[in-house]
């Protein structure tokens, strides 16, 4: 089996992505589910680059004639799935940012009111007042 230029480039990119996924997992940026999901995606991509004819084994079950259509359809489905995951994560992040901003505003309000009622700090001793 002779690998072509695009296959070698694809395998190199997949190897980089696999290493990066592992690093993210070790740094706790990915949980186990994310790690396994991305490892599965990258291994599938590696198999596709190494054995491009492997897609022909699945084509009859998908009722598709060529591997180009299968790749296009599969990549579209995966793209929509990843877009959904990103959208969901963004909504969660937005909610957390709003909660933090509200908590910060309440804290600032409390601190400002705590000091605004005392007036001048030097003359705040009740014994000095006559």
N, C-alpha and C. Protein backbone atom coordinates (compact mmCIF):
# COMPACT_ATOMS: atom_id res chain seq x y z
N UNK A 1 0.84 -1.18 0.00
CA UNK A 1 0.00 0.00 0.00
C UNK A 1 0.89 1.24 0.00
N UNK A 2 0.72 2.05 -1.03
CA UNK A 2 1.49 3.28 -1.19
C UNK A 2 0.63 4.46 -0.73
N UNK A 3 1.12 5.20 0.27
CA UNK A 3 0.40 6.37 0.75
C UNK A 3 0.68 7.56 -0.15
N UNK A 4 -0.35 8.34 -0.42
CA UNK A 4 -0.21 9.53 -1.25
C UNK A 4 0.01 10.75 -0.36
N UNK A 5 0.36 11.87 -0.96
CA UNK A 5 0.68 13.08 -0.22
C UNK A 5 -0.44 13.55 0.71
N UNK A 6 -1.67 13.53 0.23
CA UNK A 6 -2.78 14.00 1.05
C UNK A 6 -3.03 13.05 2.22
N UNK A 7 -2.77 11.75 2.01
CA UNK A 7 -2.92 10.79 3.09
C UNK A 7 -1.88 11.03 4.18
N UNK A 8 -0.65 11.29 3.77
CA UNK A 8 0.42 11.55 4.74
C UNK A 8 0.12 12.82 5.52
N UNK A 9 -0.31 13.87 4.82
CA UNK A 9 -0.68 15.12 5.49
C UNK A 9 -1.83 14.88 6.47
N UNK A 10 -2.83 14.12 6.05
CA UNK A 10 -3.95 13.82 6.93
C UNK A 10 -3.52 13.04 8.17
N UNK A 11 -2.64 12.07 7.99
CA UNK A 11 -2.16 11.27 9.12
C UNK A 11 -1.36 12.14 10.09
N UNK A 12 -0.56 13.05 9.56
CA UNK A 12 0.21 13.96 10.43
C UNK A 12 -0.73 14.85 11.23
N UNK A 13 -1.74 15.41 10.55
CA UNK A 13 -2.70 16.26 11.25
C UNK A 13 -3.48 15.49 12.31
N UNK A 14 -3.85 14.26 12.01
CA UNK A 14 -4.56 13.42 12.98
C UNK A 14 -3.66 13.11 14.17
N UNK A 15 -2.39 12.84 13.91
CA UNK A 15 -1.45 12.57 15.01
C UNK A 15 -1.32 13.79 15.93
N UNK A 16 -1.23 14.97 15.33
CA UNK A 16 -1.16 16.20 16.12
C UNK A 16 -2.44 16.38 16.94
N UNK A 17 -3.57 16.13 16.31
CA UNK A 17 -4.85 16.27 17.01
C UNK A 17 -4.98 15.26 18.15
N UNK A 18 -4.50 14.04 17.94
CA UNK A 18 -4.53 13.03 19.01
C UNK A 18 -3.67 13.46 20.20
N UNK A 19 -2.48 13.96 19.92
CA UNK A 19 -1.59 14.42 21.00
C UNK A 19 -2.22 15.60 21.73
N UNK A 20 -2.79 16.54 20.98
CA UNK A 20 -3.42 17.70 21.58
C UNK A 20 -4.62 17.29 22.45
N UNK A 21 -5.39 16.34 21.99
CA UNK A 21 -6.53 15.84 22.76
C UNK A 21 -6.05 15.22 24.07
N UNK A 22 -4.99 14.45 24.00
CA UNK A 22 -4.44 13.83 25.21
C UNK A 22 -3.93 14.90 26.18
N UNK A 23 -3.26 15.92 25.67
CA UNK A 23 -2.76 17.01 26.52
C UNK A 23 -3.93 17.73 27.19
N UNK A 24 -4.99 18.02 26.44
CA UNK A 24 -6.16 18.68 27.03
C UNK A 24 -6.78 17.83 28.13
N UNK A 25 -6.81 16.52 27.91
CA UNK A 25 -7.37 15.62 28.92
C UNK A 25 -6.50 15.62 30.18
N UNK A 26 -5.20 15.57 30.01
CA UNK A 26 -4.29 15.56 31.16
C UNK A 26 -4.34 16.89 31.93
N UNK A 27 -4.58 17.99 31.23
CA UNK A 27 -4.67 19.30 31.88
C UNK A 27 -6.07 19.58 32.42
N UNK A 28 -6.95 18.57 32.34
CA UNK A 28 -8.33 18.65 32.86
C UNK A 28 -9.19 19.65 32.07
N UNK A 29 -8.81 19.94 30.83
CA UNK A 29 -9.66 20.79 29.99
C UNK A 29 -10.76 19.96 29.34
N UNK A 30 -10.53 18.65 29.23
CA UNK A 30 -11.55 17.73 28.73
C UNK A 30 -11.88 16.74 29.83
N UNK A 31 -13.17 16.42 29.94
CA UNK A 31 -13.54 15.33 30.84
C UNK A 31 -13.41 14.02 30.05
N UNK A 32 -13.71 12.91 30.70
CA UNK A 32 -13.53 11.61 30.07
C UNK A 32 -14.40 11.47 28.82
N UNK A 33 -15.64 11.95 28.89
CA UNK A 33 -16.57 11.85 27.75
C UNK A 33 -16.00 12.61 26.54
N UNK A 34 -15.55 13.86 26.76
CA UNK A 34 -14.97 14.64 25.67
C UNK A 34 -13.74 13.96 25.10
N UNK A 35 -12.90 13.46 25.99
CA UNK A 35 -11.68 12.78 25.56
C UNK A 35 -12.00 11.59 24.66
N UNK A 36 -12.92 10.73 25.10
CA UNK A 36 -13.27 9.55 24.30
C UNK A 36 -13.94 9.93 22.99
N UNK A 37 -14.76 10.96 23.01
CA UNK A 37 -15.42 11.42 21.78
C UNK A 37 -14.39 11.86 20.75
N UNK A 38 -13.44 12.71 21.18
CA UNK A 38 -12.45 13.20 20.24
C UNK A 38 -11.47 12.12 19.80
N UNK A 39 -11.11 11.23 20.70
CA UNK A 39 -10.23 10.12 20.30
C UNK A 39 -10.93 9.27 19.24
N UNK A 40 -12.21 9.01 19.44
CA UNK A 40 -12.97 8.25 18.45
C UNK A 40 -13.02 8.94 17.10
N UNK A 41 -13.25 10.24 17.12
CA UNK A 41 -13.29 11.01 15.86
C UNK A 41 -11.94 10.96 15.16
N UNK A 42 -10.86 11.17 15.92
CA UNK A 42 -9.53 11.20 15.29
C UNK A 42 -9.09 9.82 14.82
N UNK A 43 -9.44 8.77 15.54
CA UNK A 43 -9.09 7.42 15.08
C UNK A 43 -9.86 7.07 13.82
N UNK A 44 -11.14 7.47 13.77
CA UNK A 44 -11.93 7.24 12.56
C UNK A 44 -11.31 8.00 11.38
N UNK A 45 -10.88 9.23 11.62
CA UNK A 45 -10.24 10.00 10.55
C UNK A 45 -8.94 9.33 10.11
N UNK A 46 -8.17 8.82 11.07
CA UNK A 46 -6.90 8.15 10.72
C UNK A 46 -7.16 6.91 9.87
N UNK A 47 -8.15 6.12 10.25
CA UNK A 47 -8.48 4.92 9.46
C UNK A 47 -8.91 5.32 8.06
N UNK A 48 -9.69 6.40 7.96
CA UNK A 48 -10.14 6.87 6.65
C UNK A 48 -8.97 7.32 5.79
N UNK A 49 -7.99 7.99 6.41
CA UNK A 49 -6.82 8.42 5.65
C UNK A 49 -5.94 7.25 5.25
N UNK A 50 -5.76 6.29 6.16
CA UNK A 50 -4.87 5.16 5.87
C UNK A 50 -5.51 4.19 4.88
N UNK A 51 -6.80 3.89 5.08
CA UNK A 51 -7.53 2.95 4.21
C UNK A 51 -8.73 3.66 3.60
N UNK A 52 -8.55 4.47 2.58
CA UNK A 52 -9.69 5.18 1.99
C UNK A 52 -10.74 4.25 1.40
N UNK A 53 -10.37 3.05 1.04
CA UNK A 53 -11.32 2.09 0.49
C UNK A 53 -12.22 1.47 1.55
N UNK A 54 -11.90 1.67 2.83
CA UNK A 54 -12.72 1.10 3.91
C UNK A 54 -14.13 1.67 3.90
N UNK A 55 -14.28 2.88 3.39
CA UNK A 55 -15.61 3.48 3.32
C UNK A 55 -16.52 2.69 2.37
N UNK A 56 -15.93 2.03 1.39
CA UNK A 56 -16.74 1.26 0.43
C UNK A 56 -17.44 0.07 1.09
N UNK A 57 -16.93 -0.39 2.24
CA UNK A 57 -17.58 -1.48 2.95
C UNK A 57 -18.90 -1.05 3.60
N UNK A 58 -18.99 0.22 3.94
CA UNK A 58 -20.17 0.74 4.64
C UNK A 58 -21.20 1.31 3.67
N UNK A 59 -20.78 1.64 2.48
CA UNK A 59 -21.67 2.31 1.52
C UNK A 59 -22.96 1.55 1.22
N UNK A 60 -22.94 0.26 1.01
CA UNK A 60 -24.21 -0.42 0.73
C UNK A 60 -25.21 -0.30 1.87
N UNK A 61 -24.75 -0.33 3.09
CA UNK A 61 -25.66 -0.19 4.23
C UNK A 61 -26.26 1.20 4.30
N UNK A 62 -25.54 2.19 3.83
CA UNK A 62 -26.02 3.57 3.85
C UNK A 62 -26.75 3.94 2.56
N UNK A 63 -26.86 3.01 1.65
CA UNK A 63 -27.47 3.20 0.32
C UNK A 63 -26.86 4.39 -0.43
N UNK A 64 -25.55 4.51 -0.34
CA UNK A 64 -24.84 5.56 -1.06
C UNK A 64 -23.94 4.91 -2.09
N UNK A 65 -23.78 5.61 -3.22
CA UNK A 65 -23.02 5.02 -4.32
C UNK A 65 -21.52 5.25 -4.19
N UNK A 66 -21.10 6.42 -3.77
CA UNK A 66 -19.68 6.72 -3.74
C UNK A 66 -19.24 7.16 -2.35
N UNK A 67 -17.98 7.01 -2.11
CA UNK A 67 -17.44 7.40 -0.80
C UNK A 67 -17.41 8.91 -0.64
N UNK A 68 -17.41 9.65 -1.73
CA UNK A 68 -17.42 11.11 -1.64
C UNK A 68 -18.74 11.58 -1.04
N UNK A 69 -19.85 11.00 -1.49
CA UNK A 69 -21.14 11.36 -0.91
C UNK A 69 -21.21 10.97 0.56
N UNK A 70 -20.70 9.80 0.88
CA UNK A 70 -20.71 9.34 2.27
C UNK A 70 -19.88 10.27 3.15
N UNK A 71 -18.72 10.66 2.67
CA UNK A 71 -17.87 11.57 3.43
C UNK A 71 -18.54 12.93 3.60
N UNK A 72 -19.14 13.43 2.56
CA UNK A 72 -19.82 14.72 2.63
C UNK A 72 -20.98 14.68 3.62
N UNK A 73 -21.79 13.65 3.55
CA UNK A 73 -22.93 13.53 4.44
C UNK A 73 -22.48 13.32 5.88
N UNK A 74 -21.52 12.44 6.07
CA UNK A 74 -21.02 12.19 7.43
C UNK A 74 -20.38 13.43 8.03
N UNK A 75 -19.59 14.14 7.24
CA UNK A 75 -18.95 15.36 7.77
C UNK A 75 -19.98 16.44 8.09
N UNK A 76 -21.04 16.52 7.32
CA UNK A 76 -22.11 17.47 7.62
C UNK A 76 -22.81 17.11 8.92
N UNK A 77 -23.10 15.85 9.12
CA UNK A 77 -23.74 15.41 10.36
C UNK A 77 -22.84 15.68 11.56
N UNK A 78 -21.57 15.34 11.44
CA UNK A 78 -20.63 15.58 12.54
C UNK A 78 -20.50 17.08 12.80
N UNK A 79 -20.47 17.89 11.75
CA UNK A 79 -20.37 19.34 11.92
C UNK A 79 -21.58 19.89 12.68
N UNK A 80 -22.77 19.44 12.33
CA UNK A 80 -23.97 19.89 13.05
C UNK A 80 -23.95 19.43 14.50
N UNK A 81 -23.48 18.22 14.73
CA UNK A 81 -23.40 17.71 16.10
C UNK A 81 -22.42 18.55 16.92
N UNK A 82 -21.25 18.84 16.37
CA UNK A 82 -20.27 19.66 17.07
C UNK A 82 -20.77 21.09 17.28
N UNK A 83 -21.49 21.61 16.30
CA UNK A 83 -22.09 22.94 16.44
C UNK A 83 -23.10 22.95 17.59
N UNK A 84 -23.88 21.91 17.71
CA UNK A 84 -24.83 21.80 18.81
C UNK A 84 -24.11 21.76 20.16
N UNK A 85 -23.02 21.00 20.24
CA UNK A 85 -22.26 20.92 21.49
C UNK A 85 -21.67 22.29 21.84
N UNK A 86 -21.12 22.97 20.86
CA UNK A 86 -20.53 24.29 21.09
C UNK A 86 -21.62 25.27 21.52
N UNK A 87 -22.77 25.24 20.87
CA UNK A 87 -23.87 26.14 21.23
C UNK A 87 -24.33 25.88 22.66
N UNK A 88 -24.46 24.62 23.05
CA UNK A 88 -24.88 24.29 24.40
C UNK A 88 -23.86 24.77 25.43
N UNK A 89 -22.60 24.57 25.14
CA UNK A 89 -21.54 25.01 26.06
C UNK A 89 -21.53 26.53 26.16
N UNK A 90 -21.77 27.21 25.07
CA UNK A 90 -21.79 28.67 25.07
C UNK A 90 -22.96 29.19 25.90
N UNK A 91 -24.11 28.54 25.80
CA UNK A 91 -25.26 28.95 26.63
C UNK A 91 -24.96 28.77 28.11
N UNK A 92 -24.34 27.66 28.47
CA UNK A 92 -23.97 27.42 29.87
C UNK A 92 -22.96 28.46 30.34
N UNK A 93 -22.00 28.78 29.51
CA UNK A 93 -20.99 29.77 29.85
C UNK A 93 -21.62 31.15 30.03
N UNK A 94 -22.54 31.50 29.16
CA UNK A 94 -23.22 32.79 29.28
C UNK A 94 -23.99 32.87 30.59
N UNK A 95 -24.66 31.81 30.96
CA UNK A 95 -25.41 31.79 32.22
C UNK A 95 -24.47 31.98 33.41
N UNK A 96 -23.31 31.31 33.39
CA UNK A 96 -22.35 31.45 34.48
C UNK A 96 -21.79 32.87 34.55
N UNK A 97 -21.53 33.49 33.40
CA UNK A 97 -21.01 34.86 33.38
C UNK A 97 -22.05 35.83 33.95
N UNK A 98 -23.30 35.65 33.59
CA UNK A 98 -24.37 36.52 34.12
C UNK A 98 -24.48 36.35 35.63
N UNK A 99 -24.42 35.12 36.12
CA UNK A 99 -24.50 34.88 37.55
C UNK A 99 -23.31 35.53 38.27
N UNK A 100 -22.12 35.44 37.70
CA UNK A 100 -20.95 36.06 38.32
C UNK A 100 -21.06 37.58 38.31
N UNK A 101 -21.55 38.15 37.22
CA UNK A 101 -21.71 39.61 37.15
C UNK A 101 -22.74 40.09 38.17
N UNK A 102 -23.82 39.34 38.34
CA UNK A 102 -24.83 39.71 39.33
C UNK A 102 -24.26 39.62 40.75
N UNK A 103 -23.52 38.57 41.04
CA UNK A 103 -22.92 38.43 42.37
C UNK A 103 -21.91 39.55 42.62
N UNK A 104 -21.14 39.90 41.60
CA UNK A 104 -20.18 40.99 41.73
C UNK A 104 -20.89 42.32 41.99
N UNK A 105 -21.98 42.58 41.30
CA UNK A 105 -22.73 43.82 41.49
C UNK A 105 -23.30 43.89 42.91
N UNK A 106 -23.81 42.80 43.42
CA UNK A 106 -24.34 42.77 44.78
C UNK A 106 -23.23 43.04 45.79
N UNK A 107 -22.08 42.43 45.60
CA UNK A 107 -20.94 42.66 46.49
C UNK A 107 -20.49 44.12 46.47
N UNK A 108 -20.40 44.70 45.29
CA UNK A 108 -19.99 46.10 45.18
C UNK A 108 -21.00 47.01 45.85
N UNK A 109 -22.27 46.71 45.69
CA UNK A 109 -23.32 47.51 46.33
C UNK A 109 -23.21 47.42 47.84
N UNK A 110 -23.00 46.23 48.36
CA UNK A 110 -22.87 46.04 49.81
C UNK A 110 -21.65 46.78 50.35
N UNK A 111 -20.54 46.70 49.65
CA UNK A 111 -19.31 47.37 50.11
C UNK A 111 -19.49 48.89 50.09
N UNK A 112 -20.07 49.42 49.04
CA UNK A 112 -20.29 50.87 48.95
C UNK A 112 -21.22 51.36 50.05
N UNK A 113 -22.28 50.63 50.33
CA UNK A 113 -23.22 51.03 51.38
C UNK A 113 -22.62 50.88 52.77
N UNK A 114 -21.72 49.95 52.94
CA UNK A 114 -21.11 49.74 54.23
C UNK A 114 -20.26 50.95 54.62
N UNK A 115 -19.58 51.55 53.65
CA UNK A 115 -18.70 52.67 53.95
C UNK A 115 -19.38 54.02 53.77
N UNK A 116 -20.45 54.10 53.02
CA UNK A 116 -21.07 55.40 52.75
C UNK A 116 -21.84 55.93 53.96
N UNK A 117 -22.32 55.10 54.84
CA UNK A 117 -23.08 55.53 56.00
C UNK A 117 -22.21 56.05 57.13
N UNK A 118 -20.90 55.84 57.10
CA UNK A 118 -20.03 56.24 58.20
C UNK A 118 -19.52 57.65 58.07
N UNK A 119 -19.58 58.27 56.92
CA UNK A 119 -19.06 59.62 56.76
C UNK A 119 -17.55 59.61 56.82
N UNK A 120 -16.98 60.59 57.50
CA UNK A 120 -15.53 60.69 57.64
C UNK A 120 -15.07 59.65 58.64
N UNK A 121 -14.10 58.86 58.28
CA UNK A 121 -13.63 57.78 59.14
C UNK A 121 -12.99 58.32 60.40
N UNK A 122 -12.29 59.47 60.34
CA UNK A 122 -11.61 60.02 61.51
C UNK A 122 -12.61 60.51 62.56
N UNK A 123 -13.75 61.00 62.15
CA UNK A 123 -14.73 61.55 63.09
C UNK A 123 -15.86 60.56 63.37
N UNK A 124 -15.63 59.29 63.12
CA UNK A 124 -16.70 58.32 63.30
C UNK A 124 -16.77 57.78 64.71
N UNK A 125 -15.89 58.21 65.63
CA UNK A 125 -15.92 57.73 67.01
C UNK A 125 -17.07 58.43 67.76
N UNK A 126 -18.02 57.70 68.33
CA UNK A 126 -19.17 58.32 68.99
C UNK A 126 -18.80 59.12 70.23
N UNK A 127 -17.65 58.85 70.86
CA UNK A 127 -17.23 59.60 72.07
C UNK A 127 -16.84 61.01 71.72
N UNK A 128 -16.37 61.27 70.49
CA UNK A 128 -15.94 62.59 70.10
C UNK A 128 -17.12 63.51 69.87
N UNK A 129 -18.28 62.96 69.61
CA UNK A 129 -19.46 63.77 69.32
C UNK A 129 -20.05 64.30 70.61
N UNK A 130 -20.39 65.60 70.70
CA UNK A 130 -20.97 66.14 71.92
C UNK A 130 -22.31 66.77 71.70
